Structure formats: structure tokens, C-alpha cells
Amino acid sequence: MGSNRGFSVVEVLVVASIFGILAFIAMPQYSMYRQKGYSTLAASDLRNVAAAEEAYFARTGHYRAIDNCSNVTPSTFCEVKDLPGISKLSKGVVVEIKTLEHGYSGTARHVNSAIKCRWDSTQGGMLGCSTNK
């Protein structure tokens, strides 16, 4: 008598189906965690830029606009000049700061994410992060 070794086709199909279902469930979660990571990175950079803006204001009496970060890719940095404590932002983060009459406002986002974080010094700082334009 021969011995039965290995798996039947049905057993292999059942296991493959289980893996497929698990992957179907896990992929949206993974994507959501990546988006949250990107928005956290952008928010952190925006807070750092805001602190540097305040230090710059204390030294010079005015805020500094930042508008040179539009060509950032996921593997490049935005270089920020003249702000104390910051020379470049995190990889892939785009920051734009506009000076206002009595403060500044700005946005930050990662190039791989549609989530944009907003800051307005005249409204108390961080306004939040969302996909709204």
C-alpha cells in the first residue's frame, strides 16, 4: 500500500482562498495607515516651520514666505533658507507659507497624499488636516 503524501487540490484552493480574503481585508487598512503617516509627517513639518517662523519674526520683525517647494518628489527634500533651525523638510513634503498683514498662513502635504494640513497664525495655529481644498 502506498502512503498519501501532500495536499489535495481542494485543500490548496481553500488555503489560497483564505489568503486572498485576508489580503482583500488588509490592503485598504495598509493604504489608510500610509495616508495617515504621510499626513502626520506633513503636520509635523508644518509645526516645525511655524516655530521657525516665530523665531524668524522675533529676530527680524516680519514673517518669511515659502513658495519654493513645488517641485518636490517623494525622494527629494524641500530646502528652506533663512528660517532658524530648519534647512530642509522631510522627504516628499510640500510646504507653502504666505505672509499676512498680521501673521502668516500655510499648508503642508506629502506628494503621495491628498491630505493637506493647514496653519493660520491669526486663527490660533493648526487648523487641521483634510482632503478638502
Foldseek 3Di string as FASTA:
>chain_A
DDDDDDDDPVVVVVVVVVVVVVCVVVVVVVVVVVQVVQVVLFVVQQVVVQVLQVVLCVVPVFGDWDDQQPPADQADWDADPDRPPGGTGDHQKGKTWDGDPPFIKIWIGGPVYLKIWIFTVVVPTTPGIDNDD
